[in-house]
Protein backbone atom coordinates (compact mmCIF):
# COMPACT_ATOMS: atom_id res chain seq x y z
CA MET A 1 186.32 237.41 -21.53
CA ASN A 2 188.02 238.52 -24.74
CA PRO A 3 190.93 236.23 -25.66
CA LYS A 4 192.11 238.76 -28.25
CA LEU A 5 192.95 241.06 -25.35
CA GLY A 6 194.76 238.31 -23.44
CA LEU A 7 191.81 237.69 -21.14
CA THR A 8 190.59 234.24 -20.16
CA ARG A 9 188.91 232.35 -17.33
CA ASN A 10 191.47 229.55 -17.69
CA VAL A 11 193.27 228.87 -14.42
CA LEU A 12 196.01 226.34 -13.68
CA LYS A 13 197.00 225.63 -10.08
CA ARG A 14 198.94 222.88 -8.34
CA ASN A 15 195.78 221.00 -7.35
CA TYR A 16 193.14 222.08 -9.87
CA ALA A 17 192.59 223.50 -13.33
CA LEU A 18 189.71 225.32 -15.01
CA LEU A 19 189.88 224.89 -18.80
CA THR A 20 187.46 226.94 -20.89
CA PRO A 21 186.64 226.52 -24.60
CA ASP A 22 188.38 229.79 -25.58
CA GLY A 23 191.74 228.20 -24.73
CA HIS A 24 191.32 224.87 -26.53
CA VAL A 25 194.14 223.91 -28.90
CA ALA A 26 193.72 221.00 -31.30
CA SER A 27 195.91 217.90 -30.90
CA VAL A 28 196.58 214.79 -32.97
CA LEU A 29 195.61 211.37 -31.60
CA PRO A 30 197.08 208.31 -33.34
CA GLY A 31 194.39 206.41 -35.23
CA TRP A 32 191.94 209.32 -35.33
CA THR A 33 191.22 211.04 -38.64
CA ASP A 34 188.91 213.79 -39.95
CA CYS A 35 188.24 215.02 -36.44
CA THR A 36 189.53 217.67 -34.02
CA PRO A 37 190.75 216.25 -30.69
CA HIS A 38 191.37 218.48 -27.67
CA VAL A 39 193.37 217.01 -24.77
CA LEU A 40 191.81 218.70 -21.74
CA ILE A 41 193.39 216.69 -18.90
CA SER A 42 196.45 214.42 -18.93
CA ALA A 43 199.50 213.29 -16.96
CA ALA A 44 201.27 216.44 -18.17
CA LEU A 45 198.91 218.33 -15.87
CA GLY A 46 199.63 215.98 -12.97
CA ALA A 47 196.48 213.90 -13.41
CA GLY A 48 196.17 210.12 -13.08
CA PHE A 49 193.86 209.89 -16.12
CA SER A 50 193.18 211.60 -19.44
CA GLN A 51 190.14 213.53 -20.63
CA TYR A 52 189.62 214.32 -24.31
CA LEU A 53 187.00 216.29 -26.21
CA ILE A 54 186.83 215.17 -29.85
CA LYS A 55 184.84 217.12 -32.43
CA MET A 56 183.70 214.83 -35.25
CA ASP A 57 181.75 215.18 -38.47
CA ALA A 58 180.03 212.38 -40.35
CA ASN A 59 183.30 211.20 -41.93
CA GLY A 60 185.39 211.32 -38.75
CA MET A 61 186.69 208.10 -37.24
CA GLY A 62 189.01 206.63 -34.65
CA ALA A 63 190.40 203.11 -34.47
CA GLY A 64 192.90 201.32 -32.26
CA ASP A 65 193.31 199.16 -29.17
CA THR A 66 192.82 200.21 -25.56
CA ASP A 67 195.93 198.22 -24.49
CA ASN A 68 196.11 198.29 -20.68
CA SER A 69 193.71 201.23 -20.39
CA GLU A 70 189.95 201.52 -20.09
CA TRP A 71 188.00 204.11 -22.07
CA PHE A 72 184.62 205.68 -21.34
CA LEU A 73 183.03 207.49 -24.31
CA PHE A 74 180.09 209.89 -23.99
CA VAL A 75 178.27 211.64 -26.85
CA ILE A 76 177.77 215.26 -25.81
CA ALA A 77 176.16 216.21 -29.13
CA GLY A 78 175.32 214.55 -32.44
CA LYS A 79 175.60 210.84 -33.05
CA MET A 80 178.17 208.18 -33.88
CA LYS A 81 178.88 204.47 -33.83
CA VAL A 82 181.20 202.67 -31.40
CA ASN A 83 182.12 199.11 -32.40
CA GLY A 84 178.96 199.03 -34.51
CA ALA A 85 176.63 200.27 -31.74
CA SER A 86 174.70 203.43 -32.63
CA LEU A 87 174.91 206.20 -30.03
CA ASN A 88 172.88 209.41 -30.02
CA GLU A 89 173.25 212.43 -27.76
CA GLY A 90 173.62 211.16 -24.20
CA GLY A 91 174.84 207.78 -25.42
CA PHE A 92 177.91 206.17 -23.91
CA ALA A 93 180.19 203.18 -24.27
CA PHE A 94 182.69 201.51 -21.94
CA LEU A 95 185.77 199.90 -23.47
CA PRO A 96 187.69 197.55 -21.14
CA PRO A 97 191.45 196.98 -21.39
CA HIS A 98 192.78 195.08 -24.42
CA THR A 99 189.75 195.88 -26.57
CA LYS A 100 189.80 196.98 -30.18
CA TYR A 101 187.69 200.05 -30.86
CA ASP A 102 186.17 201.55 -33.99
CA VAL A 103 184.49 204.94 -33.59
CA ARG A 104 182.73 206.53 -36.56
CA GLY A 105 181.02 209.89 -36.77
CA GLY A 106 177.35 209.94 -37.73
CA ALA A 107 176.43 213.63 -37.94
CA LYS A 108 177.97 217.03 -38.51
CA ASP A 109 179.31 218.86 -35.44
CA SER A 110 179.20 215.82 -33.16
CA ARG A 111 181.18 216.02 -29.92
CA LEU A 112 182.63 213.04 -28.06
CA LEU A 113 183.95 213.10 -24.50
CA VAL A 114 186.53 210.45 -23.54
CA PHE A 115 187.83 209.48 -20.11
CA ARG A 116 190.88 207.19 -20.35
CA LYS A 117 192.60 205.51 -17.40
CA THR A 118 195.18 202.75 -16.90
CA TYR A 119 193.23 199.87 -15.37
CA GLU A 120 194.28 198.77 -11.89
CA SER A 121 193.61 195.04 -11.56
CA LEU A 122 192.25 193.48 -8.37
CA ALA A 123 192.74 189.80 -7.56
CA GLY A 124 189.57 187.80 -8.04
CA HIS A 125 187.78 190.49 -10.04
CA LYS A 126 187.52 191.38 -13.72
CA PRO A 127 186.92 194.78 -15.28
CA PRO A 128 183.45 195.41 -16.66
CA ALA A 129 182.89 194.02 -20.16
CA PHE A 130 182.14 196.26 -23.14
CA PHE A 131 178.72 197.89 -22.81
CA THR A 132 176.73 200.81 -24.17
CA GLY A 133 173.77 202.82 -22.94
CA ASN A 134 172.17 206.26 -22.83
CA GLU A 135 171.95 208.52 -19.83
CA ASN A 136 168.31 209.31 -20.69
CA GLU A 137 167.47 205.71 -19.81
CA ILE A 138 169.04 205.92 -16.34
CA THR A 139 166.95 206.97 -13.35
CA GLU A 140 168.16 209.94 -11.32
CA ALA A 141 168.70 209.41 -7.59
CA PRO A 142 168.66 212.18 -4.96
CA PHE A 143 172.17 212.95 -3.74
CA LEU A 144 172.45 212.36 0.01
CA GLY A 145 168.66 212.61 0.23
CA ASP A 146 168.42 216.07 -1.40
CA THR A 147 165.95 216.01 -4.29
CA HIS A 148 167.39 219.28 -5.64
CA LEU A 149 170.62 217.39 -6.39
CA ARG A 150 170.34 214.29 -8.57
CA LEU A 151 172.88 211.73 -9.72
CA LYS A 152 172.98 209.26 -12.59
CA THR A 153 175.53 206.42 -12.30
CA LEU A 154 176.71 205.41 -15.79
CA ILE A 155 179.11 202.59 -14.81
CA PRO A 156 177.56 199.94 -12.52
CA ASP A 157 179.54 199.85 -9.28
CA SER A 158 181.42 196.64 -8.57
CA LEU A 159 184.87 195.82 -7.18
CA GLY A 160 186.00 195.06 -10.70
CA ALA A 161 185.41 198.70 -11.64
CA ASP A 162 188.14 201.16 -10.65
CA MET A 163 186.51 204.22 -12.21
CA ALA A 164 183.09 205.84 -11.94
CA VAL A 165 181.40 208.22 -14.37
CA ASN A 166 178.30 210.06 -13.21
CA VAL A 167 176.01 212.85 -14.41
CA PHE A 168 175.20 215.39 -11.69
CA THR A 169 172.14 217.67 -12.03
CA TYR A 170 171.46 220.73 -9.83
CA ASP A 171 168.27 222.73 -9.62
CA PRO A 172 168.87 226.51 -9.75
CA GLY A 173 170.20 227.62 -6.36
CA ALA A 174 171.09 224.09 -5.25
CA THR A 175 174.53 223.47 -3.73
CA LEU A 176 176.78 220.65 -2.70
CA PRO A 177 175.84 220.07 0.95
CA PHE A 178 179.37 220.69 2.23
CA VAL A 179 182.89 221.48 1.02
CA GLU A 180 184.18 218.10 -0.12
CA THR A 181 187.83 217.17 0.56
CA HIS A 182 188.67 213.61 -0.42
CA VAL A 183 191.21 211.19 -1.88
CA MET A 184 189.33 210.76 -5.17
CA GLU A 185 190.46 212.66 -8.27
CA HIS A 186 187.94 214.29 -10.62
CA GLY A 187 187.66 215.33 -14.24
CA MET A 188 184.45 216.94 -15.48
CA ILE A 189 182.81 219.01 -18.17
CA PHE A 190 179.64 221.11 -17.89
CA LEU A 191 176.86 219.89 -20.19
CA SER A 192 174.46 222.78 -19.49
CA GLY A 193 173.83 225.64 -17.10
CA GLY A 194 176.45 226.97 -14.75
CA GLY A 195 177.18 228.58 -11.43
CA VAL A 196 180.12 229.18 -9.15
CA TYR A 197 182.67 226.49 -8.30
CA ARG A 198 184.91 226.72 -5.26
CA LEU A 199 188.26 225.05 -5.94
CA ASP A 200 190.71 225.12 -3.03
CA ALA A 201 190.30 228.66 -1.64
CA ASP A 202 189.31 230.19 -4.99
CA TRP A 203 185.90 230.89 -6.54
CA HIS A 204 185.23 230.59 -10.27
CA PRO A 205 182.20 231.26 -12.47
CA VAL A 206 181.60 228.24 -14.69
CA THR A 207 179.30 227.51 -17.60
CA GLU A 208 178.49 225.02 -20.36
CA GLY A 209 181.62 223.66 -22.04
CA ASP A 210 183.96 224.37 -19.13
CA ALA A 211 186.17 221.47 -18.01
CA ILE A 212 187.66 221.09 -14.53
CA TRP A 213 190.43 218.91 -13.12
CA ILE A 214 190.39 218.41 -9.34
CA ALA A 215 193.35 216.71 -7.67
CA PRO A 216 192.95 214.52 -4.57
CA TYR A 217 192.28 216.46 -1.38
CA CYS A 218 191.50 219.72 -3.17
CA PRO A 219 188.54 221.32 -1.35
CA GLN A 220 185.56 221.70 -3.70
CA TRP A 221 182.03 223.09 -3.60
CA PHE A 222 179.46 224.23 -6.18
CA ILE A 223 176.31 226.37 -6.36
CA ALA A 224 174.06 226.38 -9.44
CA ALA A 225 173.19 229.88 -10.60
CA GLY A 226 170.23 229.17 -12.90
CA PRO A 227 167.97 229.88 -14.66
CA LYS A 228 168.71 226.54 -16.37
CA LEU A 229 169.51 223.27 -14.64
CA ALA A 230 173.25 222.91 -14.09
CA ARG A 231 174.51 219.56 -15.37
CA TYR A 232 178.01 218.12 -15.54
CA ILE A 233 179.48 214.71 -16.22
CA TYR A 234 182.42 213.69 -14.07
CA TYR A 235 185.02 210.96 -13.55
CA LYS A 236 186.43 209.66 -10.29
CA ASP A 237 188.69 206.77 -9.28
CA ILE A 238 187.16 204.19 -6.94
CA ASN A 239 187.49 200.78 -5.27
CA ARG A 240 191.27 200.55 -4.89
CA LEU A 241 193.63 200.96 -1.93
CA PRO A 242 195.12 204.49 -1.96
CA ARG A 243 198.77 204.71 -2.90
């Protein structure tokens, strides 16, 4: 696609959106300096969460308080520090509600993915505490018994957690086993590879760097095209009574 000719793969529908890098427009986030934030998904789109992509160099930083929201940070490329913890590529941090955060860039051309959601409390349960990790240290598990589809769970599942963030890996030619249609909402970005994503009744080629918003009950399906592994990281809401 040539954006100079008015061409793009970007698509915005009532119940999904495909957002490609050629359409990114920089935003300003309070408390963030010497960086380039892109707001990919937000309430303005109709979503119940926000998804940011923040490009940072070594002098970039962000500071503030999560207030009543929870933040999940994932280092797509480069390195940085979050509340003093060093994170390399694949590193992540979870920030619970009412937590001060200090994010500092550690290398040129670093890229940080952020999922942000208002926390929904549940009587008798607390949100997860602040933690960090790296996806390379997490064991993959076959998805529904299919070894060609593998899942890494980055937030330990408990009733205190109302969001999940997972990394999904597909071998070339592998597919979701059926067209999923469910109450959970998704936000995702492709880390590598690509394929074809069915969203509602439409079919879209997707590749590294593409972000997708999927509203509740939007039919979805994916096939990995190869030759590389297709990998994306995605958000979903969990463990609460539907509204």
